[in-house]
Amino acid sequence: MARQGQMFGMRMIRWMIAATVGLLALGMFELNPQAGSASASGTPVVHSAFTLSLTSQGKTLHTTGPGLTGTYGWNDLTGPTTINGQASSVEWLASVQYVNGSGPCWGFWTLTTPTGVLSMQVQGHGSYSPSTSITTFTGTLSIIGGTGVYANAQGRATMTGNRTTALGGQVNLTINMWLHGVGA
């Protein structure tokens, strides 16, 4: 089972690299856009950074493998945040496939603001430290659609954060977004 988990992880990494190269080739995002600079399409790049704490509204998790060291399933995480002074909320429909608490996490984000909704796909990784009992997260978010001011948005986001409780517990994240086409 551990080998299957490693193979899945490698396939996920290869898929993420291929998807990133494809999006770069299409000009859908830049590697290091600067706020205020122009995107490939000529629209200004807007940078937003925010923090949030997400709590579980429901989950289904299963254990598997030798010694039940594998965990897979989903979690519906939600939480409030503030973006550019506007009260907003996030829902993360997260899926995981962990071995000994570490592995890929992915899913879909819905960011709801007073001026529109931004929908994103998440590809990330959780790394559990047995010595601290903390899981750290890193990942990327790519835009799949939007409404209101985000109807024509393009760009990307990164996430970093942690969870200091059991799987399914509160997740604390910092998000950096680089968007263009907002309000266009």
N, C-alpha and C. Protein backbone atom coordinates (compact mmCIF):
# COMPACT_ATOMS: atom_id res chain seq x y z
N MET A 1 0.82 -1.20 0.00
CA MET A 1 0.00 0.00 0.00
C MET A 1 0.86 1.26 0.00
N ALA A 2 1.98 1.22 0.77
CA ALA A 2 2.84 2.39 0.79
C ALA A 2 3.38 2.68 -0.61
N ARG A 3 3.74 1.63 -1.33
CA ARG A 3 4.23 1.82 -2.70
C ARG A 3 3.14 2.43 -3.58
N GLN A 4 1.89 1.97 -3.42
CA GLN A 4 0.80 2.54 -4.20
C GLN A 4 0.62 4.01 -3.86
N GLY A 5 0.73 4.37 -2.58
CA GLY A 5 0.63 5.77 -2.17
C GLY A 5 1.73 6.61 -2.78
N GLN A 6 2.97 6.05 -2.80
CA GLN A 6 4.09 6.76 -3.40
C GLN A 6 3.87 6.94 -4.90
N MET A 7 3.35 5.89 -5.56
CA MET A 7 3.09 5.98 -7.00
C MET A 7 2.02 7.02 -7.28
N PHE A 8 0.96 7.05 -6.45
CA PHE A 8 -0.09 8.05 -6.63
C PHE A 8 0.49 9.45 -6.45
N GLY A 9 1.35 9.61 -5.43
CA GLY A 9 1.97 10.90 -5.18
C GLY A 9 2.82 11.36 -6.35
N MET A 10 3.57 10.43 -6.94
CA MET A 10 4.40 10.78 -8.10
C MET A 10 3.53 11.15 -9.30
N ARG A 11 2.43 10.40 -9.51
CA ARG A 11 1.52 10.74 -10.61
C ARG A 11 0.93 12.12 -10.39
N MET A 12 0.56 12.44 -9.13
CA MET A 12 -0.01 13.75 -8.82
C MET A 12 1.00 14.85 -9.10
N ILE A 13 2.26 14.65 -8.71
CA ILE A 13 3.30 15.64 -8.96
C ILE A 13 3.52 15.83 -10.45
N ARG A 14 3.59 14.73 -11.22
CA ARG A 14 3.76 14.84 -12.67
C ARG A 14 2.58 15.58 -13.30
N TRP A 15 1.35 15.30 -12.82
CA TRP A 15 0.17 15.98 -13.35
C TRP A 15 0.24 17.47 -13.04
N MET A 16 0.64 17.83 -11.81
CA MET A 16 0.71 19.25 -11.44
C MET A 16 1.75 19.97 -12.29
N ILE A 17 2.89 19.33 -12.54
CA ILE A 17 3.93 19.96 -13.38
C ILE A 17 3.41 20.14 -14.80
N ALA A 18 2.78 19.09 -15.35
CA ALA A 18 2.25 19.19 -16.72
C ALA A 18 1.18 20.27 -16.82
N ALA A 19 0.30 20.35 -15.81
CA ALA A 19 -0.75 21.37 -15.83
C ALA A 19 -0.15 22.77 -15.76
N THR A 20 0.86 22.97 -14.92
CA THR A 20 1.50 24.27 -14.78
C THR A 20 2.18 24.67 -16.09
N VAL A 21 2.92 23.74 -16.71
CA VAL A 21 3.59 24.04 -17.98
C VAL A 21 2.55 24.39 -19.04
N GLY A 22 1.44 23.65 -19.08
CA GLY A 22 0.39 23.93 -20.04
C GLY A 22 -0.22 25.30 -19.84
N LEU A 23 -0.50 25.67 -18.60
CA LEU A 23 -1.07 26.99 -18.32
C LEU A 23 -0.09 28.10 -18.64
N LEU A 24 1.19 27.87 -18.36
CA LEU A 24 2.20 28.87 -18.73
C LEU A 24 2.24 29.05 -20.24
N ALA A 25 2.19 27.94 -20.98
CA ALA A 25 2.23 28.01 -22.44
C ALA A 25 1.03 28.76 -23.00
N LEU A 26 -0.10 28.61 -22.34
CA LEU A 26 -1.31 29.30 -22.80
C LEU A 26 -1.36 30.75 -22.32
N GLY A 27 -0.41 31.14 -21.46
CA GLY A 27 -0.39 32.52 -20.95
C GLY A 27 -1.45 32.76 -19.90
N MET A 28 -1.92 31.70 -19.23
CA MET A 28 -3.00 31.88 -18.25
C MET A 28 -2.49 32.37 -16.90
N PHE A 29 -1.22 32.21 -16.61
CA PHE A 29 -0.62 32.86 -15.44
C PHE A 29 0.88 32.95 -15.60
N GLU A 30 1.44 33.91 -14.87
CA GLU A 30 2.87 34.09 -14.89
C GLU A 30 3.45 33.49 -13.63
N LEU A 31 4.73 33.09 -13.67
CA LEU A 31 5.36 32.50 -12.48
C LEU A 31 5.48 33.50 -11.34
N ASN A 32 5.90 34.71 -11.61
CA ASN A 32 6.11 35.71 -10.57
C ASN A 32 5.51 37.05 -10.97
N PRO A 33 4.20 37.13 -11.09
CA PRO A 33 3.61 38.40 -11.48
C PRO A 33 3.80 39.43 -10.38
N GLN A 34 3.95 40.67 -10.75
CA GLN A 34 4.10 41.77 -9.80
C GLN A 34 2.79 42.55 -9.77
N ALA A 35 2.33 42.85 -8.56
CA ALA A 35 1.12 43.66 -8.43
C ALA A 35 1.32 44.96 -9.19
N GLY A 36 0.32 45.36 -9.96
CA GLY A 36 0.37 46.59 -10.73
C GLY A 36 0.97 46.41 -12.11
N SER A 37 1.67 45.30 -12.35
CA SER A 37 2.22 45.06 -13.67
C SER A 37 1.10 44.56 -14.59
N ALA A 38 1.39 44.48 -15.86
CA ALA A 38 0.39 44.00 -16.81
C ALA A 38 0.57 42.49 -17.00
N SER A 39 -0.54 41.80 -17.16
CA SER A 39 -0.49 40.36 -17.44
C SER A 39 -0.22 40.16 -18.92
N ALA A 40 -0.15 38.90 -19.33
CA ALA A 40 0.05 38.58 -20.74
C ALA A 40 -1.08 39.16 -21.59
N SER A 41 -2.28 39.29 -20.99
CA SER A 41 -3.42 39.83 -21.73
C SER A 41 -3.46 41.35 -21.69
N GLY A 42 -2.53 41.98 -20.92
CA GLY A 42 -2.48 43.43 -20.86
C GLY A 42 -3.27 44.04 -19.72
N THR A 43 -4.03 43.24 -18.97
CA THR A 43 -4.80 43.79 -17.84
C THR A 43 -3.91 43.83 -16.60
N PRO A 44 -4.16 44.78 -15.67
CA PRO A 44 -3.33 44.89 -14.48
C PRO A 44 -3.42 43.65 -13.60
N VAL A 45 -2.29 43.28 -12.98
CA VAL A 45 -2.26 42.18 -12.03
C VAL A 45 -2.55 42.76 -10.65
N VAL A 46 -3.51 42.19 -9.96
CA VAL A 46 -3.89 42.62 -8.62
C VAL A 46 -3.47 41.54 -7.64
N HIS A 47 -2.69 41.94 -6.62
CA HIS A 47 -2.25 40.99 -5.59
C HIS A 47 -3.09 41.19 -4.34
N SER A 48 -3.57 40.10 -3.78
CA SER A 48 -4.29 40.11 -2.50
C SER A 48 -3.68 39.04 -1.62
N ALA A 49 -3.50 39.36 -0.35
CA ALA A 49 -3.02 38.39 0.63
C ALA A 49 -3.98 38.41 1.81
N PHE A 50 -4.33 37.23 2.30
CA PHE A 50 -5.23 37.16 3.45
C PHE A 50 -5.00 35.87 4.22
N THR A 51 -5.43 35.88 5.48
CA THR A 51 -5.35 34.70 6.32
C THR A 51 -6.76 34.27 6.69
N LEU A 52 -6.90 33.01 7.01
CA LEU A 52 -8.20 32.51 7.44
C LEU A 52 -8.04 31.22 8.21
N SER A 53 -9.05 30.92 9.00
CA SER A 53 -9.14 29.65 9.72
C SER A 53 -10.40 28.96 9.25
N LEU A 54 -10.24 27.74 8.76
CA LEU A 54 -11.35 26.97 8.25
C LEU A 54 -11.71 25.87 9.24
N THR A 55 -13.00 25.67 9.46
CA THR A 55 -13.45 24.61 10.35
C THR A 55 -14.34 23.64 9.57
N SER A 56 -14.35 22.40 10.02
CA SER A 56 -15.08 21.34 9.33
C SER A 56 -16.58 21.44 9.57
N GLN A 57 -17.33 21.34 8.48
CA GLN A 57 -18.79 21.29 8.55
C GLN A 57 -19.29 19.87 8.33
N GLY A 58 -18.40 18.99 7.92
CA GLY A 58 -18.74 17.60 7.67
C GLY A 58 -17.56 16.91 7.03
N LYS A 59 -17.42 15.60 7.28
CA LYS A 59 -16.30 14.88 6.72
C LYS A 59 -16.63 13.40 6.64
N THR A 60 -15.95 12.72 5.74
CA THR A 60 -15.96 11.26 5.65
C THR A 60 -14.52 10.84 5.44
N LEU A 61 -13.95 10.15 6.43
CA LEU A 61 -12.57 9.70 6.37
C LEU A 61 -12.52 8.21 6.63
N HIS A 62 -11.66 7.52 5.90
CA HIS A 62 -11.48 6.08 6.04
C HIS A 62 -10.01 5.78 6.24
N THR A 63 -9.71 4.71 7.00
CA THR A 63 -8.32 4.27 7.17
C THR A 63 -8.13 2.97 6.41
N THR A 64 -6.89 2.74 5.99
CA THR A 64 -6.59 1.57 5.18
C THR A 64 -5.11 1.22 5.32
N GLY A 65 -4.73 0.09 4.79
CA GLY A 65 -3.34 -0.31 4.72
C GLY A 65 -2.83 -1.01 5.96
N PRO A 66 -1.57 -1.49 5.89
CA PRO A 66 -0.97 -2.17 7.03
C PRO A 66 -0.92 -1.23 8.24
N GLY A 67 -1.41 -1.70 9.36
CA GLY A 67 -1.42 -0.87 10.57
C GLY A 67 -2.35 0.31 10.48
N LEU A 68 -3.21 0.31 9.47
CA LEU A 68 -4.15 1.42 9.24
C LEU A 68 -3.44 2.78 9.20
N THR A 69 -2.32 2.83 8.48
CA THR A 69 -1.54 4.07 8.39
C THR A 69 -2.02 4.99 7.26
N GLY A 70 -2.88 4.48 6.38
CA GLY A 70 -3.39 5.30 5.29
C GLY A 70 -4.75 5.87 5.63
N THR A 71 -4.98 7.11 5.21
CA THR A 71 -6.27 7.77 5.41
C THR A 71 -6.66 8.43 4.10
N TYR A 72 -7.93 8.26 3.71
CA TYR A 72 -8.43 8.96 2.54
C TYR A 72 -9.85 9.41 2.82
N GLY A 73 -10.29 10.40 2.09
CA GLY A 73 -11.66 10.88 2.25
C GLY A 73 -11.80 12.34 1.90
N TRP A 74 -12.85 12.97 2.43
CA TRP A 74 -13.14 14.37 2.10
C TRP A 74 -13.52 15.12 3.37
N ASN A 75 -13.48 16.44 3.27
CA ASN A 75 -13.80 17.33 4.37
C ASN A 75 -14.37 18.61 3.78
N ASP A 76 -15.46 19.10 4.33
CA ASP A 76 -16.06 20.37 3.92
C ASP A 76 -15.65 21.42 4.94
N LEU A 77 -14.68 22.26 4.56
CA LEU A 77 -14.13 23.27 5.46
C LEU A 77 -14.64 24.65 5.06
N THR A 78 -15.06 25.46 6.04
CA THR A 78 -15.54 26.81 5.76
C THR A 78 -14.98 27.78 6.78
N GLY A 79 -14.94 29.05 6.39
CA GLY A 79 -14.50 30.08 7.33
C GLY A 79 -14.57 31.47 6.75
N PRO A 80 -14.67 32.46 7.65
CA PRO A 80 -14.69 33.86 7.22
C PRO A 80 -13.28 34.40 7.03
N THR A 81 -13.16 35.46 6.24
CA THR A 81 -11.90 36.16 6.07
C THR A 81 -12.20 37.59 5.64
N THR A 82 -11.20 38.41 5.51
CA THR A 82 -11.33 39.77 5.01
C THR A 82 -10.34 39.94 3.87
N ILE A 83 -10.84 40.39 2.72
CA ILE A 83 -10.00 40.60 1.54
C ILE A 83 -10.17 42.04 1.10
N ASN A 84 -9.06 42.78 1.09
CA ASN A 84 -9.08 44.19 0.71
C ASN A 84 -10.17 44.95 1.46
N GLY A 85 -10.30 44.67 2.76
CA GLY A 85 -11.25 45.37 3.61
C GLY A 85 -12.69 44.87 3.52
N GLN A 86 -12.95 43.85 2.70
CA GLN A 86 -14.31 43.33 2.52
C GLN A 86 -14.47 41.99 3.24
N ALA A 87 -15.53 41.89 4.06
CA ALA A 87 -15.84 40.62 4.70
C ALA A 87 -16.17 39.59 3.62
N SER A 88 -15.54 38.43 3.68
CA SER A 88 -15.69 37.39 2.67
C SER A 88 -15.72 36.03 3.36
N SER A 89 -15.97 34.99 2.58
CA SER A 89 -15.95 33.64 3.15
C SER A 89 -15.37 32.66 2.14
N VAL A 90 -14.87 31.55 2.67
CA VAL A 90 -14.27 30.51 1.84
C VAL A 90 -14.89 29.17 2.21
N GLU A 91 -15.16 28.35 1.19
CA GLU A 91 -15.50 26.95 1.40
C GLU A 91 -14.49 26.13 0.62
N TRP A 92 -13.88 25.15 1.29
CA TRP A 92 -12.93 24.24 0.65
C TRP A 92 -13.50 22.84 0.73
N LEU A 93 -13.88 22.29 -0.41
CA LEU A 93 -14.29 20.89 -0.51
C LEU A 93 -13.00 20.11 -0.74
N ALA A 94 -12.42 19.60 0.35
CA ALA A 94 -11.08 19.02 0.32
C ALA A 94 -11.13 17.50 0.31
N SER A 95 -10.24 16.92 -0.48
CA SER A 95 -10.02 15.48 -0.47
C SER A 95 -8.57 15.24 -0.06
N VAL A 96 -8.34 14.11 0.61
CA VAL A 96 -6.98 13.77 1.05
C VAL A 96 -6.70 12.31 0.78
N GLN A 97 -5.41 11.99 0.63
CA GLN A 97 -4.94 10.62 0.60
C GLN A 97 -3.59 10.62 1.31
N TYR A 98 -3.63 10.36 2.61
CA TYR A 98 -2.44 10.45 3.45
C TYR A 98 -1.92 9.08 3.84
N VAL A 99 -0.62 8.99 4.02
CA VAL A 99 0.04 7.84 4.62
C VAL A 99 0.83 8.39 5.80
N ASN A 100 0.55 7.87 6.99
CA ASN A 100 1.17 8.38 8.22
C ASN A 100 0.97 9.89 8.37
N GLY A 101 -0.19 10.38 7.96
CA GLY A 101 -0.54 11.78 8.15
C GLY A 101 -0.05 12.74 7.09
N SER A 102 0.67 12.26 6.08
CA SER A 102 1.21 13.14 5.03
C SER A 102 0.79 12.65 3.66
N GLY A 103 0.62 13.59 2.72
CA GLY A 103 0.29 13.22 1.36
C GLY A 103 -0.47 14.31 0.63
N PRO A 104 -0.99 13.98 -0.55
CA PRO A 104 -1.68 14.99 -1.36
C PRO A 104 -3.03 15.38 -0.77
N CYS A 105 -3.38 16.64 -0.95
CA CYS A 105 -4.71 17.15 -0.65
C CYS A 105 -5.13 18.00 -1.85
N TRP A 106 -6.37 17.94 -2.22
CA TRP A 106 -6.84 18.64 -3.41
C TRP A 106 -8.33 18.92 -3.25
N GLY A 107 -8.88 19.63 -4.19
CA GLY A 107 -10.32 19.90 -4.14
C GLY A 107 -10.67 21.21 -4.80
N PHE A 108 -11.73 21.81 -4.28
CA PHE A 108 -12.26 23.03 -4.88
C PHE A 108 -12.53 24.08 -3.81
N TRP A 109 -12.16 25.32 -4.12
CA TRP A 109 -12.42 26.47 -3.26
C TRP A 109 -13.51 27.31 -3.87
N THR A 110 -14.36 27.85 -3.02
CA THR A 110 -15.31 28.88 -3.43
C THR A 110 -15.08 30.07 -2.51
N LEU A 111 -14.60 31.16 -3.09
CA LEU A 111 -14.37 32.40 -2.36
C LEU A 111 -15.53 33.33 -2.67
N THR A 112 -16.30 33.68 -1.65
CA THR A 112 -17.47 34.53 -1.82
C THR A 112 -17.20 35.90 -1.20
N THR A 113 -17.28 36.95 -2.03
CA THR A 113 -17.09 38.32 -1.57
C THR A 113 -18.37 39.10 -1.87
N PRO A 114 -18.51 40.32 -1.35
CA PRO A 114 -19.70 41.12 -1.66
C PRO A 114 -19.85 41.45 -3.15
N THR A 115 -18.74 41.33 -3.91
CA THR A 115 -18.79 41.74 -5.32
C THR A 115 -18.72 40.58 -6.31
N GLY A 116 -18.65 39.34 -5.80
CA GLY A 116 -18.61 38.20 -6.70
C GLY A 116 -18.08 36.94 -6.04
N VAL A 117 -18.09 35.88 -6.82
CA VAL A 117 -17.61 34.57 -6.36
C VAL A 117 -16.46 34.14 -7.27
N LEU A 118 -15.38 33.64 -6.65
CA LEU A 118 -14.24 33.14 -7.39
C LEU A 118 -14.11 31.65 -7.08
N SER A 119 -14.12 30.83 -8.13
CA SER A 119 -14.02 29.37 -7.97
C SER A 119 -12.64 28.93 -8.40
N MET A 120 -12.00 28.09 -7.55
CA MET A 120 -10.63 27.67 -7.83
C MET A 120 -10.46 26.18 -7.55
N GLN A 121 -9.53 25.58 -8.27
CA GLN A 121 -9.14 24.19 -8.03
C GLN A 121 -7.85 24.22 -7.21
N VAL A 122 -7.78 23.34 -6.19
CA VAL A 122 -6.64 23.29 -5.27
C VAL A 122 -5.83 22.02 -5.52
N GLN A 123 -4.52 22.16 -5.56
CA GLN A 123 -3.58 21.03 -5.57
C GLN A 123 -2.57 21.32 -4.47
N GLY A 124 -2.52 20.46 -3.46
CA GLY A 124 -1.62 20.74 -2.35
C GLY A 124 -1.03 19.49 -1.74
N HIS A 125 -0.33 19.71 -0.65
CA HIS A 125 0.32 18.62 0.08
C HIS A 125 0.31 18.95 1.56
N GLY A 126 -0.01 17.95 2.37
CA GLY A 126 0.07 18.08 3.81
C GLY A 126 1.23 17.24 4.33
N SER A 127 2.02 17.80 5.24
CA SER A 127 3.17 17.09 5.82
C SER A 127 3.03 17.07 7.33
N TYR A 128 2.85 15.88 7.89
CA TYR A 128 2.66 15.71 9.32
C TYR A 128 4.00 15.49 10.01
N SER A 129 4.21 16.19 11.13
CA SER A 129 5.42 16.02 11.95
C SER A 129 5.03 15.31 13.25
N PRO A 130 5.42 14.04 13.41
CA PRO A 130 5.09 13.34 14.65
C PRO A 130 5.67 13.99 15.90
N SER A 131 6.81 14.69 15.76
CA SER A 131 7.44 15.29 16.93
C SER A 131 6.67 16.51 17.45
N THR A 132 5.95 17.21 16.56
CA THR A 132 5.18 18.39 16.99
C THR A 132 3.68 18.18 16.91
N SER A 133 3.24 17.11 16.24
CA SER A 133 1.82 16.83 15.99
C SER A 133 1.17 17.94 15.16
N ILE A 134 1.97 18.60 14.33
CA ILE A 134 1.47 19.66 13.45
C ILE A 134 1.57 19.20 12.01
N THR A 135 0.52 19.45 11.25
CA THR A 135 0.53 19.20 9.81
C THR A 135 0.68 20.55 9.11
N THR A 136 1.68 20.69 8.24
CA THR A 136 1.85 21.91 7.46
C THR A 136 1.33 21.67 6.05
N PHE A 137 0.82 22.73 5.45
CA PHE A 137 0.24 22.65 4.11
C PHE A 137 0.90 23.63 3.17
N THR A 138 1.06 23.21 1.92
CA THR A 138 1.45 24.09 0.83
C THR A 138 0.59 23.70 -0.37
N GLY A 139 0.39 24.64 -1.27
CA GLY A 139 -0.37 24.29 -2.45
C GLY A 139 -0.58 25.46 -3.39
N THR A 140 -1.17 25.15 -4.53
CA THR A 140 -1.50 26.16 -5.52
C THR A 140 -2.99 26.07 -5.83
N LEU A 141 -3.55 27.20 -6.19
CA LEU A 141 -4.95 27.29 -6.56
C LEU A 141 -5.02 27.90 -7.95
N SER A 142 -5.80 27.30 -8.83
CA SER A 142 -5.97 27.85 -10.17
C SER A 142 -7.45 28.15 -10.39
N ILE A 143 -7.71 29.23 -11.07
CA ILE A 143 -9.08 29.71 -11.28
C ILE A 143 -9.79 28.84 -12.30
N ILE A 144 -11.03 28.45 -11.95
CA ILE A 144 -11.85 27.69 -12.89
C ILE A 144 -13.11 28.45 -13.29
N GLY A 145 -13.37 29.60 -12.65
CA GLY A 145 -14.54 30.39 -13.02
C GLY A 145 -14.82 31.46 -11.98
N GLY A 146 -15.86 32.24 -12.25
CA GLY A 146 -16.23 33.29 -11.32
C GLY A 146 -17.50 33.98 -11.75
N THR A 147 -18.01 34.81 -10.84
CA THR A 147 -19.18 35.63 -11.11
C THR A 147 -18.89 37.06 -10.66
N GLY A 148 -19.75 38.00 -11.02
CA GLY A 148 -19.56 39.39 -10.62
C GLY A 148 -18.25 39.92 -11.13
N VAL A 149 -17.47 40.59 -10.26
CA VAL A 149 -16.19 41.16 -10.69
C VAL A 149 -15.18 40.09 -11.08
N TYR A 150 -15.43 38.84 -10.69
CA TYR A 150 -14.51 37.74 -11.01
C TYR A 150 -14.92 36.96 -12.27
N ALA A 151 -15.92 37.42 -12.98
CA ALA A 151 -16.43 36.69 -14.15
C ALA A 151 -15.35 36.46 -15.21
N ASN A 152 -14.42 37.40 -15.37
CA ASN A 152 -13.36 37.27 -16.36
C ASN A 152 -11.98 37.12 -15.73
N ALA A 153 -11.94 36.82 -14.45
CA ALA A 153 -10.67 36.75 -13.73
C ALA A 153 -9.82 35.57 -14.21
N GLN A 154 -8.54 35.82 -14.23
CA GLN A 154 -7.54 34.78 -14.49
C GLN A 154 -6.42 35.00 -13.49
N GLY A 155 -5.61 33.98 -13.31
CA GLY A 155 -4.48 34.11 -12.40
C GLY A 155 -4.28 32.86 -11.59
N ARG A 156 -3.67 33.05 -10.42
CA ARG A 156 -3.35 31.92 -9.57
C ARG A 156 -3.24 32.39 -8.13
N ALA A 157 -3.10 31.42 -7.24
CA ALA A 157 -2.90 31.71 -5.83
C ALA A 157 -2.03 30.62 -5.22
N THR A 158 -1.41 30.95 -4.10
CA THR A 158 -0.65 29.97 -3.33
C THR A 158 -1.22 29.92 -1.93
N MET A 159 -1.06 28.77 -1.29
CA MET A 159 -1.49 28.65 0.10
C MET A 159 -0.37 28.02 0.92
N THR A 160 -0.26 28.48 2.16
CA THR A 160 0.61 27.87 3.16
C THR A 160 -0.17 27.87 4.46
N GLY A 161 0.12 26.94 5.34
CA GLY A 161 -0.59 26.94 6.61
C GLY A 161 -0.34 25.70 7.42
N ASN A 162 -1.22 25.49 8.42
CA ASN A 162 -1.04 24.35 9.29
C ASN A 162 -2.35 23.93 9.95
N ARG A 163 -2.28 22.75 10.54
CA ARG A 163 -3.36 22.23 11.37
C ARG A 163 -2.69 21.66 12.61
N THR A 164 -3.13 22.08 13.79
CA THR A 164 -2.53 21.62 15.04
C THR A 164 -3.42 20.60 15.75
N THR A 165 -4.51 20.20 15.10
CA THR A 165 -5.44 19.23 15.66
C THR A 165 -5.49 18.01 14.75
N ALA A 166 -6.34 17.06 15.09
CA ALA A 166 -6.48 15.84 14.28
C ALA A 166 -7.03 16.17 12.90
N LEU A 167 -6.82 15.24 11.96
CA LEU A 167 -7.36 15.37 10.61
C LEU A 167 -8.86 15.64 10.69
N GLY A 168 -9.29 16.68 9.99
CA GLY A 168 -10.68 17.13 10.06
C GLY A 168 -10.85 18.32 10.97
N GLY A 169 -9.78 18.70 11.69
CA GLY A 169 -9.82 19.85 12.59
C GLY A 169 -9.55 21.16 11.87
N GLN A 170 -9.48 22.24 12.66
CA GLN A 170 -9.28 23.59 12.12
C GLN A 170 -7.99 23.70 11.33
N VAL A 171 -8.07 24.34 10.15
CA VAL A 171 -6.92 24.58 9.28
C VAL A 171 -6.71 26.09 9.20
N ASN A 172 -5.48 26.54 9.46
CA ASN A 172 -5.11 27.95 9.40
C ASN A 172 -4.25 28.18 8.16
N LEU A 173 -4.67 29.10 7.31
CA LEU A 173 -3.99 29.30 6.03
C LEU A 173 -3.67 30.76 5.76
N THR A 174 -2.62 30.97 4.98
CA THR A 174 -2.30 32.26 4.38
C THR A 174 -2.39 32.07 2.87
N ILE A 175 -3.12 32.95 2.22
CA ILE A 175 -3.35 32.88 0.77
C ILE A 175 -2.75 34.11 0.11
N ASN A 176 -2.04 33.92 -0.97
CA ASN A 176 -1.56 35.00 -1.82
C ASN A 176 -2.14 34.78 -3.21
N MET A 177 -2.89 35.77 -3.71
CA MET A 177 -3.51 35.67 -5.04
C MET A 177 -2.96 36.75 -5.95
N TRP A 178 -2.72 36.36 -7.20
CA TRP A 178 -2.35 37.28 -8.26
C TRP A 178 -3.40 37.11 -9.35
N LEU A 179 -4.25 38.12 -9.51
CA LEU A 179 -5.35 38.04 -10.46
C LEU A 179 -5.27 39.16 -11.48
N HIS A 180 -5.80 38.88 -12.66
CA HIS A 180 -6.01 39.94 -13.64
C HIS A 180 -7.35 39.67 -14.30
N GLY A 181 -7.90 40.70 -14.92
CA GLY A 181 -9.23 40.59 -15.51
C GLY A 181 -10.34 40.79 -14.50
N VAL A 182 -10.00 41.21 -13.27
CA VAL A 182 -11.01 41.43 -12.22
C VAL A 182 -11.79 42.70 -12.56
N GLY A 183 -13.09 42.58 -12.58
CA GLY A 183 -13.95 43.72 -12.88
C GLY A 183 -14.00 44.06 -14.35
N ALA A 184 -13.26 43.29 -15.17
CA ALA A 184 -13.21 43.60 -16.62
C ALA A 184 -14.42 43.03 -17.33
